[in-house]
Amino acid sequence: MGYPKDTFRFGCMASLYMQNAIESFIETKEIFHWIKTNGEEFPQYTEENLVRKASVVIVFSAMAAESFLNDYAAATLEDNNYYDCYDSLNICNKFQLIVQFILHKKFEKGNEPYGLLSKLVKNRNELVHNKSQDFSEILENPKKIQDEKKLDYLTILKAEVDKATDAIRAVVKLVNYFEENDLGTSACERMFADYTLCYFENEPESLELKELLKLGLNVTRQKPWKI
């Protein structure tokens, strides 16, 4: 069983969510590069903007991944059956459901994209389910304050960039998996519809395409490109 070729579906927002994620990812990297290179902030190149853009990358990447998996599972298991019985599963479990019970492939949590999806879910949940903390508890913990002082400013910002990078990479690896295991899904075109990647014959010029390729997007169905 795989994605039904004769189906016509609407309402999947994966590509739209992914467009927001990729554009914010590029901006996140630009801000970090400015601060790292110049040693100071600039009106739009600030720590606040970097964290804000990185958060958009993480949340929208998770939304794109879940939208894609929902569409795939609903198309193959039928809408009522899937949305009534399986829609409450988290992203990782939805992926596992598809791998084991739709594609009938061997599933191992140690293999990608499961690990990256798990990290994406964790980082997304920390943002969506943000929890405040009593400041007096921090003041009563001198060691925690000392540990935070040891963290270099750029190290903190780099950690945010790394989270954003992992978020995009999780979606890239997800697309690669379906490109390798169910070509009829047209995962690449559907997830990155705004870039129609698999139809390009010449070396891509867009920054978005180059970033996706750097993060390992599988392009075996077309001529190899040098980045």
Protein backbone atom coordinates (compact mmCIF):
# COMPACT_ATOMS: atom_id res chain seq x y z
CA MET A 1 0.00 0.00 0.00
CA GLY A 2 1.15 3.53 -0.71
CA TYR A 3 -0.21 6.97 -1.48
CA PRO A 4 -3.15 6.44 -3.87
CA LYS A 5 -2.30 7.78 -7.30
CA ASP A 6 -5.88 8.47 -8.35
CA THR A 7 -6.76 10.61 -5.34
CA PHE A 8 -7.41 14.34 -5.49
CA ARG A 9 -7.13 16.12 -2.16
CA PHE A 10 -7.26 19.70 -0.92
CA GLY A 11 -6.52 21.48 2.34
CA CYS A 12 -2.99 20.22 2.95
CA MET A 13 -1.00 23.25 4.14
CA ALA A 14 2.42 21.57 4.32
CA SER A 15 4.07 23.56 1.53
CA LEU A 16 2.74 26.89 2.83
CA TYR A 17 4.01 26.16 6.33
CA MET A 18 7.34 25.07 4.91
CA GLN A 19 7.70 28.25 2.89
CA ASN A 20 7.40 30.28 6.10
CA ALA A 21 9.91 28.01 7.83
CA ILE A 22 12.53 28.20 5.07
CA GLU A 23 12.28 31.98 4.68
CA SER A 24 12.62 32.45 8.45
CA PHE A 25 15.54 30.02 8.50
CA ILE A 26 17.46 32.10 5.99
CA GLU A 27 16.77 35.24 8.03
CA THR A 28 17.91 33.46 11.21
CA LYS A 29 21.24 32.64 9.60
CA GLU A 30 21.63 36.18 8.25
CA ILE A 31 21.10 37.71 11.69
CA PHE A 32 23.59 35.34 13.32
CA HIS A 33 26.18 36.01 10.61
CA TRP A 34 25.84 39.78 11.11
CA ILE A 35 26.23 39.62 14.88
CA LYS A 36 29.11 37.13 14.69
CA THR A 37 30.94 39.14 12.02
CA ASN A 38 30.39 42.63 13.44
CA GLY A 39 30.38 41.84 17.13
CA GLU A 40 27.30 43.96 17.72
CA GLU A 41 23.63 44.18 16.97
CA PHE A 42 21.98 46.32 14.30
CA PRO A 43 18.33 47.51 14.10
CA GLN A 44 16.96 44.33 12.45
CA TYR A 45 19.91 42.11 13.39
CA THR A 46 19.24 41.58 17.08
CA GLU A 47 19.17 38.67 19.50
CA GLU A 48 15.42 39.14 19.90
CA ASN A 49 14.81 38.90 16.16
CA LEU A 50 17.06 35.85 15.86
CA VAL A 51 15.16 34.00 18.59
CA ARG A 52 11.85 35.05 17.07
CA LYS A 53 12.80 33.85 13.58
CA ALA A 54 14.25 30.58 14.91
CA SER A 55 11.01 29.96 16.78
CA VAL A 56 9.04 30.43 13.56
CA VAL A 57 11.29 27.89 11.84
CA ILE A 58 10.73 25.28 14.53
CA VAL A 59 6.97 25.72 14.91
CA PHE A 60 6.23 25.90 11.18
CA SER A 61 8.53 22.97 10.37
CA ALA A 62 6.59 20.87 12.87
CA MET A 63 3.31 22.07 11.37
CA ALA A 64 4.53 21.20 7.87
CA ALA A 65 5.66 17.71 8.91
CA GLU A 66 2.36 16.97 10.66
CA SER A 67 0.27 18.36 7.81
CA PHE A 68 2.15 16.16 5.35
CA LEU A 69 1.79 13.03 7.51
CA ASN A 70 -1.90 13.73 8.14
CA ASP A 71 -2.57 14.03 4.42
CA TYR A 72 -0.63 10.86 3.62
CA ALA A 73 -2.28 8.73 6.30
CA ALA A 74 -5.77 10.08 5.63
CA ALA A 75 -5.42 9.44 1.90
CA THR A 76 -4.37 5.85 2.44
CA LEU A 77 -6.55 4.91 5.44
CA GLU A 78 -9.56 7.06 4.44
CA ASP A 79 -10.42 10.33 6.14
CA ASN A 80 -13.02 9.18 8.67
CA ASN A 81 -10.97 6.19 9.80
CA TYR A 82 -7.76 8.17 10.22
CA TYR A 83 -9.13 11.35 11.80
CA ASP A 84 -11.39 9.42 14.18
CA CYS A 85 -8.78 6.91 15.33
CA TYR A 86 -5.26 8.21 14.77
CA ASP A 87 -5.28 11.99 14.49
CA SER A 88 -4.44 12.43 18.20
CA LEU A 89 -1.09 10.66 17.78
CA ASN A 90 2.00 12.87 17.93
CA ILE A 91 4.14 13.50 14.87
CA CYS A 92 6.60 10.69 15.61
CA ASN A 93 3.85 8.14 16.17
CA LYS A 94 2.10 9.22 12.98
CA PHE A 95 5.31 8.59 11.09
CA GLN A 96 5.67 5.19 12.78
CA LEU A 97 2.07 4.31 11.87
CA ILE A 98 2.74 5.05 8.22
CA VAL A 99 6.05 3.19 8.09
CA GLN A 100 4.85 0.03 9.81
CA PHE A 101 1.21 -0.32 8.85
CA ILE A 102 0.89 1.45 5.51
CA LEU A 103 4.29 1.03 3.87
CA HIS A 104 5.01 -2.21 5.76
CA LYS A 105 8.64 -1.23 6.25
CA LYS A 106 10.93 -2.11 9.11
CA PHE A 107 10.80 0.63 11.72
CA GLU A 108 13.72 1.53 13.97
CA LYS A 109 13.75 4.56 16.23
CA GLY A 110 17.50 4.92 15.73
CA ASN A 111 17.08 5.61 12.02
CA GLU A 112 16.28 9.00 10.53
CA PRO A 113 14.07 10.82 10.19
CA TYR A 114 12.64 9.56 13.50
CA GLY A 115 15.44 11.02 15.65
CA LEU A 116 15.22 14.45 14.05
CA LEU A 117 11.43 14.40 14.23
CA SER A 118 11.65 13.61 17.95
CA LYS A 119 13.99 16.55 18.47
CA LEU A 120 11.68 18.77 16.42
CA VAL A 121 8.68 17.78 18.54
CA LYS A 122 10.63 18.45 21.75
CA ASN A 123 11.78 21.90 20.62
CA ARG A 124 8.33 22.75 19.29
CA ASN A 125 6.65 21.73 22.55
CA GLU A 126 9.04 23.88 24.58
CA LEU A 127 7.87 26.87 22.55
CA VAL A 128 4.17 26.09 22.32
CA HIS A 129 3.88 24.96 25.95
CA ASN A 130 6.14 27.65 27.36
CA LYS A 131 6.37 27.69 31.15
CA SER A 132 7.32 30.68 33.27
CA GLN A 133 9.36 30.37 36.47
CA ASP A 134 9.50 32.16 39.80
CA PHE A 135 12.63 34.32 39.70
CA SER A 136 13.24 33.78 43.41
CA GLU A 137 13.88 30.10 42.67
CA ILE A 138 16.67 31.11 40.30
CA LEU A 139 18.19 33.47 42.84
CA GLU A 140 18.19 30.66 45.36
CA ASN A 141 20.24 28.51 43.01
CA PRO A 142 23.68 30.21 42.72
CA LYS A 143 25.12 27.35 40.69
CA LYS A 144 22.55 27.82 37.95
CA ILE A 145 23.39 31.53 37.77
CA GLN A 146 27.11 30.74 37.55
CA ASP A 147 26.51 28.19 34.81
CA GLU A 148 24.51 30.69 32.79
CA LYS A 149 27.24 33.32 33.15
CA LYS A 150 29.73 30.87 31.66
CA LEU A 151 27.69 30.66 28.48
CA ASP A 152 29.13 32.83 25.76
CA TYR A 153 26.70 35.23 24.02
CA LEU A 154 27.41 33.76 20.57
CA THR A 155 27.14 30.23 21.95
CA ILE A 156 23.60 30.96 23.08
CA LEU A 157 22.65 32.39 19.69
CA LYS A 158 24.36 29.50 17.87
CA ALA A 159 22.23 27.06 19.88
CA GLU A 160 19.11 28.77 18.49
CA VAL A 161 20.47 28.56 14.95
CA ASP A 162 21.24 24.86 15.47
CA LYS A 163 17.67 24.19 16.61
CA ALA A 164 16.34 25.92 13.50
CA THR A 165 18.74 23.97 11.30
CA ASP A 166 17.68 20.67 12.84
CA ALA A 167 14.04 21.62 12.27
CA ILE A 168 14.51 22.14 8.53
CA ARG A 169 16.71 19.05 8.31
CA ALA A 170 13.97 16.96 9.96
CA VAL A 171 11.56 17.89 7.17
CA VAL A 172 14.22 17.29 4.52
CA LYS A 173 14.90 13.80 5.89
CA LEU A 174 11.15 13.14 6.05
CA VAL A 175 10.80 14.07 2.38
CA ASN A 176 13.82 11.93 1.49
CA TYR A 177 12.26 8.95 3.23
CA PHE A 178 9.08 9.13 1.16
CA GLU A 179 11.00 9.84 -2.04
CA GLU A 180 12.91 6.60 -1.42
CA ASN A 181 10.03 4.44 -0.18
CA ASP A 182 6.94 5.70 -2.01
CA LEU A 183 7.79 7.66 -5.14
CA GLY A 184 4.09 8.07 -5.92
CA THR A 185 3.80 10.39 -2.94
CA SER A 186 5.66 13.14 -4.85
CA ALA A 187 6.85 14.28 -1.43
CA CYS A 188 9.44 16.72 -2.74
CA GLU A 189 7.04 18.59 -4.99
CA ARG A 190 4.27 18.61 -2.39
CA MET A 191 6.40 19.78 0.54
CA PHE A 192 8.44 22.31 -1.45
CA ALA A 193 5.82 23.22 -4.03
CA ASP A 194 6.90 26.85 -4.17
CA TYR A 195 10.28 25.78 -5.51
CA THR A 196 9.21 22.84 -7.74
CA LEU A 197 12.63 21.39 -7.01
CA CYS A 198 12.38 18.13 -8.91
CA TYR A 199 11.60 19.85 -12.20
CA PHE A 200 14.67 22.04 -12.32
CA GLU A 201 17.08 21.17 -15.12
CA ASN A 202 19.70 23.79 -14.44
CA GLU A 203 21.65 24.57 -11.33
CA PRO A 204 19.28 26.30 -8.90
CA GLU A 205 19.86 29.96 -8.23
CA SER A 206 17.42 30.53 -5.37
CA LEU A 207 18.85 30.69 -1.88
CA GLU A 208 16.00 28.52 -0.58
CA LEU A 209 16.85 25.66 -2.92
CA LYS A 210 20.53 25.86 -2.08
CA GLU A 211 19.81 25.70 1.64
CA LEU A 212 17.64 22.61 1.18
CA LEU A 213 20.35 20.91 -0.84
CA LYS A 214 22.99 21.75 1.76
CA LEU A 215 20.83 20.08 4.37
CA GLY A 216 20.77 16.86 2.36
CA LEU A 217 17.64 16.95 0.20
CA ASN A 218 17.72 13.92 -2.08
CA VAL A 219 17.96 14.99 -5.71
CA THR A 220 18.72 11.63 -7.32
CA ARG A 221 15.84 12.10 -9.76
CA GLN A 222 17.65 14.97 -11.43
CA LYS A 223 21.13 16.04 -12.40
CA PRO A 224 23.54 16.38 -9.45
CA TRP A 225 24.24 19.96 -8.45
CA LYS A 226 27.32 21.41 -6.86
CA ILE A 227 26.74 23.81 -4.00
